[in-house]
Amino acid sequence: MTVMEKMLVPAGMQRIVEQGYDALSGPVYRAEDLFRATPAERVAAHGLAGEVFPYGPDPEHVDIVRFGTTPTMDLRVPGVPVTPGERPWPVYDKGFLLNAVPVWDLTMTRVPVEARFVRVDRDGSEREFSRYGGGAWGWQRAKGYFPPLHLIGPRANWRGLDLPCSYTVDHGSVELVWVGDEAVPDGFTPARPRVHSRVVPVAECDQVFEVELRGRWRDAPVRILQQAGQEALLLLLDPTFESVNRLGAVALEPSLFQATAPISEVTDVVGLVNEPAPSRGSGGPR
C-alpha cells in the first residue's frame, strides 16, 4: 500500500464537513514527496497560486485527504489532453507537479477506509479533523452522510448480491453496505439509520471490482456517476473552457466539472470494469 495525498480546494473541504462527501479523484501525489511542505509550497506546486484560484499566494492553511491505495484503485500518469481547447487550469501533462514531484490522476473512486482529513497550517504543522470509516459509516464528525453510490468506488458480488463495499485496511476483507430497512440480509448490523453493514473476507466474494460507465453528451466525453429517474449526474472526462460553458457544468475544483443531463441524451455508453491484478499488488502508483 502506498500512502497518497489529495489537496482540497475550500469547497472540497466544505463538501466533506457539511455533506460527508466521499468521492475522491483528480491529481494526487505520494505523501512523502511533500512531507512538511507549507500551504504556500503546496499551492505553488499545484500551479494554483493565481488570482483565479481560491487559495491566494500565501494561504494560512490548506486541507488534504491522506489515504492508502487499494487493489481496485486506478491511478494513471497524466498525459496530454485529447480534446483540443483552452484549459485555464493545470493539467500536469508531463506527469509532475510544478516542483517536479510525480503526480498521478486518480479515477473517481470512494475514499478508502482510514483516510484522514488533515489541515496543514502555515508552518507545515498538521491537525487531523476526521477519519473515514467506510461506506457504511462515512466521515467522523461530519454533519452529513453520503450514501455509497453503485457507480463510484468498490463493489462486491457476494452470495448473489451486488453491493457497494469498502476494503478493510489490510485489504483481506471488505465491508458490504446495505442501504434501507427492507429485506436486510442475515448477518448485517446497523451502522447508522437505514444503513447496515457486514464484513466478509475477500476470498468469500465472487468478485470485487469498480465499474465506470462512459459515454458522450452533446459531443463531450462523460462518465455517468448516478441516475435518478430520467436524469443523470455526469462527470466531464476531458473538459475544456468551451465545453464547460456550453454544457453548463459546475466546478467542484479547478479541473473537475459535473453536469446534470437527460439520460436519453447520453450516447455511446460503455462499461469499464477495474479488478485487482496480482501485478498491481496493493494498488500503488503505476
Protein backbone atom coordinates (compact mmCIF):
# COMPACT_ATOMS: atom_id res chain seq x y z
CA MET A 1 0.00 0.00 0.00
CA THR A 2 1.25 3.46 -0.93
CA VAL A 3 0.19 6.49 1.10
CA MET A 4 -1.07 9.25 -1.17
CA GLU A 5 -2.46 12.75 -0.71
CA LYS A 6 -5.04 14.90 -2.43
CA MET A 7 -5.05 18.66 -1.86
CA LEU A 8 -8.57 20.02 -1.40
CA VAL A 9 -9.96 23.32 -2.56
CA PRO A 10 -12.01 25.11 0.15
CA ALA A 11 -15.26 23.94 -1.48
CA GLY A 12 -13.98 20.36 -1.27
CA MET A 13 -13.42 20.78 2.46
CA GLN A 14 -16.98 22.07 2.84
CA ARG A 15 -18.40 19.10 0.93
CA ILE A 16 -16.73 16.73 3.41
CA VAL A 17 -17.68 18.68 6.54
CA GLU A 18 -21.24 19.61 5.54
CA GLN A 19 -22.31 16.68 3.33
CA GLY A 20 -19.96 13.83 4.21
CA TYR A 21 -18.91 13.72 0.51
CA ASP A 22 -16.77 10.63 -0.05
CA ALA A 23 -15.76 10.68 -3.72
CA LEU A 24 -12.06 11.10 -4.45
CA SER A 25 -10.46 11.91 -7.78
CA GLY A 26 -8.04 14.12 -9.68
CA PRO A 27 -4.34 14.89 -9.16
CA VAL A 28 -2.72 13.02 -6.25
CA TYR A 29 0.87 12.57 -5.12
CA ARG A 30 2.83 10.46 -2.62
CA ALA A 31 2.51 11.88 0.88
CA GLU A 32 6.23 11.57 1.50
CA ASP A 33 7.04 13.78 -1.50
CA LEU A 34 5.50 16.87 0.14
CA PHE A 35 6.29 15.95 3.74
CA ARG A 36 6.32 19.11 5.92
CA ALA A 37 5.64 21.34 2.90
CA THR A 38 3.88 24.60 3.78
CA PRO A 39 0.50 25.60 2.35
CA ALA A 40 2.16 28.15 0.06
CA GLU A 41 4.58 25.50 -1.23
CA ARG A 42 1.77 23.02 -1.86
CA VAL A 43 -0.39 25.54 -3.69
CA ALA A 44 2.55 26.72 -5.82
CA ALA A 45 3.48 23.11 -6.65
CA HIS A 46 -0.03 22.55 -7.99
CA GLY A 47 0.10 25.75 -10.05
CA LEU A 48 -2.89 27.17 -8.17
CA ALA A 49 -1.43 30.33 -6.64
CA GLY A 50 -3.00 32.66 -9.20
CA GLU A 51 -5.83 35.11 -8.57
CA VAL A 52 -8.40 32.96 -10.39
CA PHE A 53 -7.90 30.11 -7.90
CA PRO A 54 -9.30 30.05 -4.35
CA TYR A 55 -6.10 29.97 -2.28
CA GLY A 56 -4.19 33.16 -2.89
CA PRO A 57 -0.37 33.22 -2.93
CA ASP A 58 0.12 32.75 0.83
CA PRO A 59 -2.74 30.75 2.39
CA GLU A 60 -2.88 30.34 6.16
CA HIS A 61 -3.69 26.66 5.69
CA VAL A 62 -4.65 24.02 3.17
CA ASP A 63 -6.67 20.86 3.67
CA ILE A 64 -5.67 17.46 2.36
CA VAL A 65 -7.00 13.92 2.28
CA ARG A 66 -4.26 11.41 3.11
CA PHE A 67 -5.14 7.87 2.08
CA GLY A 68 -3.75 4.46 1.33
CA THR A 69 -4.15 2.89 -2.10
CA THR A 70 -6.49 -0.07 -2.56
CA PRO A 71 -6.40 -3.00 -5.02
CA THR A 72 -9.10 -1.64 -7.36
CA MET A 73 -7.88 1.97 -7.36
CA ASP A 74 -6.99 3.31 -10.82
CA LEU A 75 -4.00 5.69 -10.79
CA ARG A 76 -2.62 6.89 -14.10
CA VAL A 77 0.20 9.17 -15.17
CA PRO A 78 -1.41 12.28 -16.67
CA GLY A 79 -0.98 12.70 -20.41
CA VAL A 80 -1.60 15.38 -22.99
CA PRO A 81 -5.36 16.14 -23.20
CA VAL A 82 -7.06 14.61 -26.22
CA THR A 83 -9.73 17.24 -26.85
CA PRO A 84 -8.39 20.48 -28.37
CA GLY A 85 -9.27 23.61 -26.44
CA GLU A 86 -8.33 26.13 -23.80
CA ARG A 87 -7.78 24.91 -20.22
CA PRO A 88 -7.16 27.72 -17.74
CA TRP A 89 -6.18 25.20 -15.08
CA PRO A 90 -3.08 22.97 -14.64
CA VAL A 91 -3.12 19.62 -16.46
CA TYR A 92 0.29 18.18 -15.37
CA ASP A 93 0.73 16.57 -18.79
CA LYS A 94 4.41 15.78 -18.08
CA GLY A 95 3.48 13.64 -15.07
CA PHE A 96 4.88 16.08 -12.48
CA LEU A 97 3.71 18.92 -10.30
CA LEU A 98 5.44 22.25 -10.90
CA ASN A 99 8.11 21.40 -8.29
CA ALA A 100 8.99 18.14 -10.13
CA VAL A 101 7.10 15.90 -7.67
CA PRO A 102 5.48 12.95 -9.51
CA VAL A 103 1.71 13.22 -9.84
CA TRP A 104 -0.99 10.69 -10.77
CA ASP A 105 -4.54 11.16 -11.99
CA LEU A 106 -6.92 9.20 -9.76
CA THR A 107 -10.05 7.91 -11.48
CA MET A 108 -13.01 8.86 -9.29
CA THR A 109 -13.50 6.32 -6.51
CA ARG A 110 -14.75 6.11 -2.94
CA VAL A 111 -12.48 7.37 -0.16
CA PRO A 112 -10.61 4.39 1.36
CA VAL A 113 -11.12 3.29 4.95
CA GLU A 114 -8.95 5.17 7.46
CA ALA A 115 -8.32 8.04 5.06
CA ARG A 116 -7.52 11.17 7.07
CA PHE A 117 -8.82 14.71 6.60
CA VAL A 118 -5.88 16.88 7.68
CA ARG A 119 -5.30 20.63 7.86
CA VAL A 120 -1.76 21.82 7.15
CA ASP A 121 -1.01 25.15 8.82
CA ARG A 122 1.29 27.89 7.57
CA ASP A 123 4.34 26.50 9.42
CA GLY A 124 3.81 22.99 7.98
CA SER A 125 2.30 21.55 11.17
CA GLU A 126 -0.80 19.38 10.90
CA ARG A 127 -4.16 18.92 12.60
CA GLU A 128 -6.33 15.90 11.91
CA PHE A 129 -10.03 16.76 11.74
CA SER A 130 -11.62 13.48 10.67
CA ARG A 131 -11.15 9.90 9.50
CA TYR A 132 -13.21 7.94 7.04
CA GLY A 133 -14.81 4.83 8.49
CA GLY A 134 -16.01 3.25 5.25
CA GLY A 135 -19.10 3.37 3.06
CA ALA A 136 -21.45 2.46 5.92
CA TRP A 137 -20.02 4.91 8.44
CA GLY A 138 -18.74 7.91 6.48
CA TRP A 139 -16.54 10.68 7.85
CA GLN A 140 -16.23 11.03 11.61
CA ARG A 141 -17.85 14.20 12.98
CA ALA A 142 -19.14 15.29 9.56
CA LYS A 143 -22.54 16.99 9.67
CA GLY A 144 -23.89 14.87 6.81
CA TYR A 145 -23.59 11.39 5.38
CA PHE A 146 -23.26 10.50 1.70
CA PRO A 147 -24.63 7.01 0.97
CA PRO A 148 -22.32 4.95 -1.28
CA LEU A 149 -23.18 5.06 -4.97
CA HIS A 150 -23.03 1.93 -7.12
CA LEU A 151 -21.16 3.74 -9.89
CA ILE A 152 -18.40 5.20 -7.70
CA GLY A 153 -15.98 3.03 -5.77
CA PRO A 154 -15.60 -0.68 -4.97
CA ARG A 155 -18.43 -3.19 -5.29
CA ALA A 156 -18.58 -6.86 -4.38
CA ASN A 157 -20.55 -9.82 -5.69
CA TRP A 158 -21.30 -11.96 -2.63
CA ARG A 159 -23.87 -14.74 -2.32
CA GLY A 160 -25.86 -13.42 -5.26
CA LEU A 161 -25.80 -9.80 -4.07
CA ASP A 162 -24.07 -6.89 -5.80
CA LEU A 163 -23.30 -4.33 -3.09
CA PRO A 164 -21.08 -1.28 -2.60
CA CYS A 165 -18.20 -2.04 -0.27
CA SER A 166 -15.03 -0.72 1.29
CA TYR A 167 -11.75 -2.61 1.69
CA THR A 168 -10.52 -3.08 5.23
CA VAL A 169 -7.10 -1.61 5.96
CA ASP A 170 -5.31 -4.94 5.35
CA HIS A 171 -7.28 -5.49 2.09
CA GLY A 172 -8.12 -9.02 3.25
CA SER A 173 -11.81 -8.26 3.77
CA VAL A 174 -14.49 -5.89 2.55
CA GLU A 175 -17.31 -4.20 4.42
CA LEU A 176 -20.53 -4.65 2.46
CA VAL A 177 -23.15 -1.90 2.66
CA TRP A 178 -26.93 -2.34 2.52
CA VAL A 179 -28.92 0.89 2.32
CA GLY A 180 -32.54 0.67 3.51
CA ASP A 181 -34.53 -1.17 6.16
CA GLU A 182 -36.30 -3.60 3.83
CA ALA A 183 -35.12 -7.21 3.35
CA VAL A 184 -31.83 -6.67 5.16
CA PRO A 185 -29.69 -9.81 4.59
CA ASP A 186 -28.76 -12.02 7.51
CA GLY A 187 -25.61 -11.01 9.37
CA PHE A 188 -25.83 -7.30 8.54
CA THR A 189 -25.86 -4.95 11.54
CA PRO A 190 -26.96 -1.30 11.79
CA ALA A 191 -24.23 1.26 11.16
CA ARG A 192 -26.45 4.36 11.07
CA PRO A 193 -30.17 4.96 10.38
CA ARG A 194 -31.26 2.90 7.34
CA VAL A 195 -27.69 1.70 6.70
CA HIS A 196 -26.44 -1.81 7.54
CA SER A 197 -23.06 -3.45 7.03
CA ARG A 198 -21.23 -6.75 7.23
CA VAL A 199 -17.51 -7.51 6.94
CA VAL A 200 -16.65 -10.59 4.86
CA PRO A 201 -13.32 -11.97 3.61
CA VAL A 202 -12.43 -11.07 0.03
CA ALA A 203 -11.96 -14.82 -0.55
CA GLU A 204 -15.70 -15.33 0.03
CA CYS A 205 -16.62 -12.83 -2.70
CA ASP A 206 -17.12 -13.93 -6.29
CA GLN A 207 -15.75 -10.59 -7.45
CA VAL A 208 -14.56 -7.27 -6.04
CA PHE A 209 -14.38 -4.56 -8.67
CA GLU A 210 -15.09 -1.00 -9.69
CA VAL A 211 -17.19 -0.09 -12.70
CA GLU A 212 -17.03 3.06 -14.82
CA LEU A 213 -19.82 3.97 -17.25
CA ARG A 214 -18.58 6.26 -20.00
CA GLY A 215 -20.47 7.89 -22.82
CA ARG A 216 -20.91 11.11 -24.76
CA TRP A 217 -23.23 14.01 -24.09
CA ARG A 218 -23.57 16.74 -26.69
CA ASP A 219 -20.29 15.63 -28.22
CA ALA A 220 -18.35 15.70 -24.92
CA PRO A 221 -16.88 12.58 -23.23
CA VAL A 222 -18.52 11.99 -19.86
CA ARG A 223 -18.75 9.50 -17.04
CA ILE A 224 -22.14 8.61 -15.57
CA LEU A 225 -21.97 8.94 -11.79
CA GLN A 226 -25.61 8.47 -10.88
CA GLN A 227 -29.03 8.11 -12.49
CA ALA A 228 -32.23 9.31 -10.85
CA GLY A 229 -35.33 8.85 -12.93
CA GLN A 230 -34.74 10.33 -16.35
CA GLU A 231 -31.73 12.43 -15.31
CA ALA A 232 -28.08 11.52 -14.90
CA LEU A 233 -25.26 13.13 -12.97
CA LEU A 234 -22.25 13.35 -15.28
CA LEU A 235 -18.54 14.00 -14.84
CA LEU A 236 -16.79 15.71 -17.75
CA LEU A 237 -13.82 13.50 -18.63
CA ASP A 238 -11.74 15.86 -20.78
CA PRO A 239 -13.12 19.32 -20.03
CA THR A 240 -12.20 22.48 -21.87
CA PHE A 241 -13.22 26.04 -21.18
CA GLU A 242 -15.60 25.83 -24.13
CA SER A 243 -17.27 22.55 -23.14
CA VAL A 244 -17.71 23.60 -19.52
CA ASN A 245 -19.57 26.74 -20.55
CA ARG A 246 -21.52 25.08 -23.36
CA LEU A 247 -22.79 22.31 -21.08
CA GLY A 248 -23.42 24.49 -18.04
CA ALA A 249 -21.13 22.32 -15.92
CA VAL A 250 -20.43 23.15 -12.28
CA ALA A 251 -16.85 23.28 -10.99
CA LEU A 252 -16.07 21.09 -7.97
CA GLU A 253 -12.40 22.04 -8.20
CA PRO A 254 -10.21 23.69 -10.87
CA SER A 255 -10.24 20.73 -13.28
CA LEU A 256 -13.28 18.74 -12.06
CA PHE A 257 -16.70 19.56 -13.51
CA GLN A 258 -20.12 17.93 -13.16
CA ALA A 259 -23.37 18.44 -15.04
CA THR A 260 -26.90 17.05 -15.00
CA ALA A 261 -28.41 15.80 -18.26
CA PRO A 262 -31.38 13.81 -19.54
CA ILE A 263 -30.20 10.21 -19.63
CA SER A 264 -31.77 9.87 -23.07
CA GLU A 265 -29.22 12.34 -24.44
CA VAL A 266 -26.20 10.32 -23.27
CA THR A 267 -24.98 8.12 -26.13
CA ASP A 268 -22.27 5.56 -26.84
CA VAL A 269 -22.37 4.24 -23.27
CA VAL A 270 -19.81 1.57 -22.43
CA GLY A 271 -18.90 -0.05 -19.13
CA LEU A 272 -15.29 -0.42 -17.96
CA VAL A 273 -14.56 -2.85 -15.12
CA ASN A 274 -11.48 -2.48 -12.95
CA GLU A 275 -10.45 -5.54 -10.93
CA PRO A 276 -7.38 -6.25 -8.79
CA ALA A 277 -4.45 -7.80 -10.61
CA PRO A 278 -1.51 -9.62 -8.96
CA SER A 279 0.99 -7.40 -10.74
CA ARG A 280 -0.56 -4.33 -9.15
CA GLY A 281 -0.04 -5.51 -5.61
CA SER A 282 -1.99 -3.18 -3.31
CA GLY A 283 -2.92 -0.71 -5.97
CA GLY A 284 0.08 1.63 -5.74
CA PRO A 285 1.02 4.14 -8.42
CA ARG A 286 1.86 2.58 -11.75
